[in-house]
C-alpha atoms as a PDB file:
ATOM      1  CA  UNK A   1      80.507 100.886  53.893  1.00  0.00           C
ATOM      2  CA  UNK A   2      81.348 101.538  57.610  1.00  0.00           C
ATOM      3  CA  UNK A   3      82.982 104.702  58.719  1.00  0.00           C
ATOM      4  CA  UNK A   4      86.384 105.370  58.577  1.00  0.00           C
ATOM      5  CA  UNK A   5      88.377 104.728  61.495  1.00  0.00           C
ATOM      6  CA  UNK A   6      89.033 107.806  64.016  1.00  0.00           C
ATOM      7  CA  UNK A   7      92.470 109.703  63.217  1.00  0.00           C
ATOM      8  CA  UNK A   8      94.936 109.525  66.606  1.00  0.00           C
ATOM      9  CA  UNK A   9      94.668 112.951  67.530  1.00  0.00           C
ATOM     10  CA  UNK A  10      96.630 115.005  70.050  1.00  0.00           C
ATOM     11  CA  UNK A  11      94.374 116.550  72.884  1.00  0.00           C
ATOM     12  CA  UNK A  12      93.037 120.460  71.323  1.00  0.00           C
ATOM     13  CA  UNK A  13      94.355 123.386  73.071  1.00  0.00           C
ATOM     14  CA  UNK A  14      91.528 125.282  72.695  1.00  0.00           C
ATOM     15  CA  UNK A  15      93.537 128.776  74.351  1.00  0.00           C
ATOM     16  CA  UNK A  16      96.092 128.548  71.992  1.00  0.00           C
ATOM     17  CA  UNK A  17      96.755 131.477  69.623  1.00  0.00           C
ATOM     18  CA  UNK A  18      96.720 129.350  67.066  1.00  0.00           C
ATOM     19  CA  UNK A  19      96.978 130.805  63.089  1.00  0.00           C
ATOM     20  CA  UNK A  20      94.607 133.130  61.998  1.00  0.00           C
ATOM     21  CA  UNK A  21      92.506 131.836  59.113  1.00  0.00           C
ATOM     22  CA  UNK A  22      89.520 132.679  56.484  1.00  0.00           C
ATOM     23  CA  UNK A  23      86.790 130.292  56.331  1.00  0.00           C
ATOM     24  CA  UNK A  24      85.206 130.544  52.680  1.00  0.00           C
ATOM     25  CA  UNK A  25      82.631 128.517  51.714  1.00  0.00           C
ATOM     26  CA  UNK A  26      80.236 128.899  49.043  1.00  0.00           C
ATOM     27  CA  UNK A  27      77.374 127.340  47.313  1.00  0.00           C
ATOM     28  CA  UNK A  28      77.971 124.771  43.733  1.00  0.00           C
ATOM     29  CA  UNK A  29      77.459 127.695  41.538  1.00  0.00           C
ATOM     30  CA  UNK A  30      80.018 130.070  43.570  1.00  0.00           C
ATOM     31  CA  UNK A  31      77.667 132.180  45.825  1.00  0.00           C
ATOM     32  CA  UNK A  32      78.915 133.072  49.241  1.00  0.00           C
ATOM     33  CA  UNK A  33      77.424 130.793  51.804  1.00  0.00           C
ATOM     34  CA  UNK A  34      79.780 132.335  54.870  1.00  0.00           C
ATOM     35  CA  UNK A  35      82.768 133.884  55.081  1.00  0.00           C
ATOM     36  CA  UNK A  36      84.387 134.886  58.742  1.00  0.00           C
ATOM     37  CA  UNK A  37      87.759 134.324  60.485  1.00  0.00           C
ATOM     38  CA  UNK A  38      89.040 131.463  63.182  1.00  0.00           C
ATOM     39  CA  UNK A  39      92.079 130.344  64.753  1.00  0.00           C
ATOM     40  CA  UNK A  40      93.777 127.254  62.987  1.00  0.00           C
ATOM     41  CA  UNK A  41      94.939 125.616  66.121  1.00  0.00           C
ATOM     42  CA  UNK A  42      96.385 122.482  64.277  1.00  0.00           C
ATOM     43  CA  UNK A  43      95.689 119.727  61.280  1.00  0.00           C
ATOM     44  CA  UNK A  44      96.858 116.165  61.587  1.00  0.00           C
ATOM     45  CA  UNK A  45      95.812 113.099  59.665  1.00  0.00           C
ATOM     46  CA  UNK A  46      93.446 115.076  57.100  1.00  0.00           C
ATOM     47  CA  UNK A  47      91.489 116.908  59.813  1.00  0.00           C
ATOM     48  CA  UNK A  48      92.054 120.483  59.915  1.00  0.00           C
ATOM     49  CA  UNK A  49      90.912 121.727  63.499  1.00  0.00           C
ATOM     50  CA  UNK A  50      89.594 125.681  64.004  1.00  0.00           C
ATOM     51  CA  UNK A  51      88.581 127.154  67.087  1.00  0.00           C
ATOM     52  CA  UNK A  52      85.838 130.314  66.087  1.00  0.00           C
ATOM     53  CA  UNK A  53      85.214 132.888  68.924  1.00  0.00           C
ATOM     54  CA  UNK A  54      82.050 134.081  70.047  1.00  0.00           C
ATOM     55  CA  UNK A  55      81.206 137.456  68.591  1.00  0.00           C
ATOM     56  CA  UNK A  56      82.894 136.722  65.328  1.00  0.00           C
ATOM     57  CA  UNK A  57      81.679 138.881  62.518  1.00  0.00           C
ATOM     58  CA  UNK A  58      80.321 136.701  59.737  1.00  0.00           C
ATOM     59  CA  UNK A  59      79.278 137.424  56.282  1.00  0.00           C
ATOM     60  CA  UNK A  60      77.091 135.007  54.814  1.00  0.00           C
ATOM     61  CA  UNK A  61      73.869 134.900  52.312  1.00  0.00           C
ATOM     62  CA  UNK A  62      71.991 135.940  54.943  1.00  0.00           C
ATOM     63  CA  UNK A  63      73.691 139.411  55.426  1.00  0.00           C
ATOM     64  CA  UNK A  64      75.889 139.993  58.304  1.00  0.00           C
ATOM     65  CA  UNK A  65      75.948 138.622  61.649  1.00  0.00           C
ATOM     66  CA  UNK A  66      78.112 137.120  64.561  1.00  0.00           C
ATOM     67  CA  UNK A  67      78.963 134.207  65.726  1.00  0.00           C
ATOM     68  CA  UNK A  68      76.534 133.296  69.085  1.00  0.00           C
ATOM     69  CA  UNK A  69      79.077 130.446  70.796  1.00  0.00           C
ATOM     70  CA  UNK A  70      82.928 129.375  70.514  1.00  0.00           C
ATOM     71  CA  UNK A  71      82.644 126.701  68.913  1.00  0.00           C
ATOM     72  CA  UNK A  72      85.572 123.721  67.682  1.00  0.00           C
ATOM     73  CA  UNK A  73      85.190 123.185  63.991  1.00  0.00           C
ATOM     74  CA  UNK A  74      86.611 120.222  62.038  1.00  0.00           C
ATOM     75  CA  UNK A  75      87.322 120.312  58.636  1.00  0.00           C
ATOM     76  CA  UNK A  76      88.522 117.404  56.653  1.00  0.00           C
ATOM     77  CA  UNK A  77      90.352 117.431  53.298  1.00  0.00           C
ATOM     78  CA  UNK A  78      89.263 113.920  52.333  1.00  0.00           C
ATOM     79  CA  UNK A  79      85.826 113.526  53.742  1.00  0.00           C
ATOM     80  CA  UNK A  80      82.256 115.026  52.409  1.00  0.00           C
ATOM     81  CA  UNK A  81      81.436 117.026  55.505  1.00  0.00           C
ATOM     82  CA  UNK A  82      82.910 118.864  58.422  1.00  0.00           C
ATOM     83  CA  UNK A  83      81.429 119.593  61.999  1.00  0.00           C
ATOM     84  CA  UNK A  84      80.767 122.331  64.404  1.00  0.00           C
ATOM     85  CA  UNK A  85      81.055 121.856  68.511  1.00  0.00           C
ATOM     86  CA  UNK A  86      79.197 124.543  70.278  1.00  0.00           C
ATOM     87  CA  UNK A  87      80.564 125.111  73.770  1.00  0.00           C
ATOM     88  CA  UNK A  88      77.449 126.320  74.391  1.00  0.00           C
ATOM     89  CA  UNK A  89      73.881 125.368  72.965  1.00  0.00           C
ATOM     90  CA  UNK A  90      72.412 127.934  70.663  1.00  0.00           C
ATOM     91  CA  UNK A  91      69.372 129.074  69.379  1.00  0.00           C
ATOM     92  CA  UNK A  92      66.043 128.368  70.165  1.00  0.00           C
ATOM     93  CA  UNK A  93      66.319 125.197  69.432  1.00  0.00           C
ATOM     94  CA  UNK A  94      69.843 124.752  71.720  1.00  0.00           C
ATOM     95  CA  UNK A  95      72.069 123.547  68.460  1.00  0.00           C
ATOM     96  CA  UNK A  96      74.825 121.784  70.740  1.00  0.00           C
ATOM     97  CA  UNK A  97      76.654 120.593  66.903  1.00  0.00           C
ATOM     98  CA  UNK A  98      75.922 120.814  63.084  1.00  0.00           C
ATOM     99  CA  UNK A  99      77.567 119.075  60.491  1.00  0.00           C
ATOM    100  CA  UNK A 100      77.582 120.294  57.103  1.00  0.00           C
ATOM    101  CA  UNK A 101      77.600 118.204  54.400  1.00  0.00           C
ATOM    102  CA  UNK A 102      79.721 119.830  51.901  1.00  0.00           C
ATOM    103  CA  UNK A 103      83.442 118.987  49.424  1.00  0.00           C
ATOM    104  CA  UNK A 104      86.190 118.320  51.251  1.00  0.00           C
ATOM    105  CA  UNK A 105      88.285 120.914  53.085  1.00  0.00           C
ATOM    106  CA  UNK A 106      90.839 123.238  50.800  1.00  0.00           C
ATOM    107  CA  UNK A 107      93.388 124.860  52.441  1.00  0.00           C
ATOM    108  CA  UNK A 108      94.989 127.733  50.487  1.00  0.00           C
ATOM    109  CA  UNK A 109      97.284 129.928  51.929  1.00  0.00           C
ATOM    110  CA  UNK A 110      95.412 131.390  54.818  1.00  0.00           C
ATOM    111  CA  UNK A 111      91.787 130.756  53.474  1.00  0.00           C
ATOM    112  CA  UNK A 112      90.300 127.772  54.052  1.00  0.00           C
ATOM    113  CA  UNK A 113      87.863 126.683  51.460  1.00  0.00           C
ATOM    114  CA  UNK A 114      84.968 124.116  50.982  1.00  0.00           C
ATOM    115  CA  UNK A 115      81.583 124.241  49.163  1.00  0.00           C
ATOM    116  CA  UNK A 116      78.250 123.948  51.052  1.00  0.00           C
ATOM    117  CA  UNK A 117      76.120 120.982  49.662  1.00  0.00           C
ATOM    118  CA  UNK A 118      73.073 121.801  51.516  1.00  0.00           C
ATOM    119  CA  UNK A 119      72.214 118.410  53.723  1.00  0.00           C
ATOM    120  CA  UNK A 120      72.987 119.180  57.063  1.00  0.00           C
ATOM    121  CA  UNK A 121      72.618 117.016  60.660  1.00  0.00           C
ATOM    122  CA  UNK A 122      72.147 118.744  63.188  1.00  0.00           C
ATOM    123  CA  UNK A 123      71.885 117.492  67.226  1.00  0.00           C
ATOM    124  CA  UNK A 124      69.709 119.959  69.608  1.00  0.00           C
ATOM    125  CA  UNK A 125      68.789 119.765  73.131  1.00  0.00           C
ATOM    126  CA  UNK A 126      64.890 120.003  72.297  1.00  0.00           C
ATOM    127  CA  UNK A 127      64.372 117.998  68.856  1.00  0.00           C
ATOM    128  CA  UNK A 128      67.507 115.628  69.262  1.00  0.00           C
ATOM    129  CA  UNK A 129      69.597 114.079  66.064  1.00  0.00           C
ATOM    130  CA  UNK A 130      67.707 115.469  62.570  1.00  0.00           C
ATOM    131  CA  UNK A 131      68.740 115.876  58.951  1.00  0.00           C
ATOM    132  CA  UNK A 132      68.374 119.403  57.787  1.00  0.00           C
ATOM    133  CA  UNK A 133      67.690 121.213  54.852  1.00  0.00           C
ATOM    134  CA  UNK A 134      66.672 118.228  52.167  1.00  0.00           C
ATOM    135  CA  UNK A 135      64.133 120.636  50.727  1.00  0.00           C
ATOM    136  CA  UNK A 136      67.451 122.495  50.135  1.00  0.00           C
ATOM    137  CA  UNK A 137      69.208 120.207  48.469  1.00  0.00           C
ATOM    138  CA  UNK A 138      66.259 118.600  45.713  1.00  0.00           C
ATOM    139  CA  UNK A 139      65.869 122.254  45.017  1.00  0.00           C
ATOM    140  CA  UNK A 140      69.517 123.033  44.557  1.00  0.00           C
ATOM    141  CA  UNK A 141      70.393 119.800  42.640  1.00  0.00           C
ATOM    142  CA  UNK A 142      68.652 121.077  40.047  1.00  0.00           C
ATOM    143  CA  UNK A 143      68.633 124.627  39.901  1.00  0.00           C
ATOM    144  CA  UNK A 144      72.112 124.234  40.060  1.00  0.00           C
ATOM    145  CA  UNK A 145      72.653 120.952  38.241  1.00  0.00           C
ATOM    146  CA  UNK A 146      74.647 118.854  40.796  1.00  0.00           C
ATOM    147  CA  UNK A 147      76.133 115.708  38.706  1.00  0.00           C
ATOM    148  CA  UNK A 148      75.238 112.614  39.909  1.00  0.00           C
ATOM    149  CA  UNK A 149      78.797 112.093  41.401  1.00  0.00           C
ATOM    150  CA  UNK A 150      78.205 114.883  43.838  1.00  0.00           C
ATOM    151  CA  UNK A 151      74.589 113.249  44.851  1.00  0.00           C
ATOM    152  CA  UNK A 152      76.072 110.349  44.951  1.00  0.00           C
ATOM    153  CA  UNK A 153      78.880 111.385  47.461  1.00  0.00           C
ATOM    154  CA  UNK A 154      76.574 113.885  49.422  1.00  0.00           C
ATOM    155  CA  UNK A 155      74.326 111.268  50.075  1.00  0.00           C
ATOM    156  CA  UNK A 156      76.551 108.547  50.950  1.00  0.00           C
ATOM    157  CA  UNK A 157      78.640 111.416  53.514  1.00  0.00           C
ATOM    158  CA  UNK A 158      75.322 111.744  54.927  1.00  0.00           C
ATOM    159  CA  UNK A 159      74.396 108.077  55.648  1.00  0.00           C
ATOM    160  CA  UNK A 160      77.975 107.822  57.355  1.00  0.00           C
ATOM    161  CA  UNK A 161      77.587 110.584  59.414  1.00  0.00           C
ATOM    162  CA  UNK A 162      73.929 108.934  60.804  1.00  0.00           C
ATOM    163  CA  UNK A 163      76.122 105.355  61.539  1.00  0.00           C
ATOM    164  CA  UNK A 164      78.821 107.922  63.031  1.00  0.00           C
ATOM    165  CA  UNK A 165      75.964 109.774  65.248  1.00  0.00           C
ATOM    166  CA  UNK A 166      74.831 106.276  66.686  1.00  0.00           C
ATOM    167  CA  UNK A 167      76.836 106.239  69.810  1.00  0.00           C
ATOM    168  CA  UNK A 168      78.463 109.702  69.049  1.00  0.00           C
ATOM    169  CA  UNK A 169      81.292 108.724  67.468  1.00  0.00           C
ATOM    170  CA  UNK A 170      84.165 110.614  66.122  1.00  0.00           C
ATOM    171  CA  UNK A 171      83.914 113.191  64.705  1.00  0.00           C
ATOM    172  CA  UNK A 172      80.292 113.397  66.515  1.00  0.00           C
ATOM    173  CA  UNK A 173      81.489 113.173  69.989  1.00  0.00           C
ATOM    174  CA  UNK A 174      81.167 116.609  71.317  1.00  0.00           C
ATOM    175  CA  UNK A 175      82.719 116.477  74.815  1.00  0.00           C
ATOM    176  CA  UNK A 176      86.143 115.245  73.112  1.00  0.00           C
ATOM    177  CA  UNK A 177      86.076 118.572  71.604  1.00  0.00           C
ATOM    178  CA  UNK A 178      85.489 120.811  73.956  1.00  0.00           C
ATOM    179  CA  UNK A 179      87.267 122.967  76.328  1.00  0.00           C
ATOM    180  CA  UNK A 180      86.676 121.117  80.459  1.00  0.00           C
ATOM    181  CA  UNK A 181      85.019 124.126  81.320  1.00  0.00           C
ATOM    182  CA  UNK A 182      82.436 123.308  78.998  1.00  0.00           C
ATOM    183  CA  UNK A 183      81.683 119.633  79.894  1.00  0.00           C
ATOM    184  CA  UNK A 184      78.915 121.373  82.064  1.00  0.00           C
ATOM    185  CA  UNK A 185      76.411 122.877  79.392  1.00  0.00           C
ATOM    186  CA  UNK A 186      73.814 120.815  78.678  1.00  0.00           C
ATOM    187  CA  UNK A 187      74.406 117.653  76.746  1.00  0.00           C
ATOM    188  CA  UNK A 188      77.862 117.971  76.419  1.00  0.00           C
ATOM    189  CA  UNK A 189      77.968 114.446  74.538  1.00  0.00           C
ATOM    190  CA  UNK A 190      74.805 114.009  72.675  1.00  0.00           C
ATOM    191  CA  UNK A 191      71.326 113.979  73.627  1.00  0.00           C
ATOM    192  CA  UNK A 192      70.256 115.247  77.213  1.00  0.00           C
END
């Protein structure tokens, strides 16, 4: 099945104060994945755009930490993934963007909820594009007893993202989700 057409989105105002929003993701069994605050910038056609600033405190299954880069986060109310675009590549591999396979986002009051389904697609400066955490997906699929429909949706979402990664089409078009000053960051559009 071909990926959906990209929505018509207005330019993103990265400096807008936005509205404070809590991002709360859990694993399928309800355990904590990530919990942090960002700025809800806008919502259009099933896309919720959030900017999270470098230094933002995070709570996660790994403990407490901090965001290493400001990022634009794209959440969808009708797609089984979300995408985070780092303003500067981070980590030992130089991660440029990261797509999480997970349930569609639910916005309830000042909290955006989604369930992480383990599989990830990443684009890094040093390794390029790759699928991550397939072993975790296989393990959790059994341990957390993912229903067949959840497994099918997760695998279909990964397939869709892989199709979109050819040519870095929306929402993987990193340059279109960064402020102009970040366009010089190594590999702004895709692989360097």
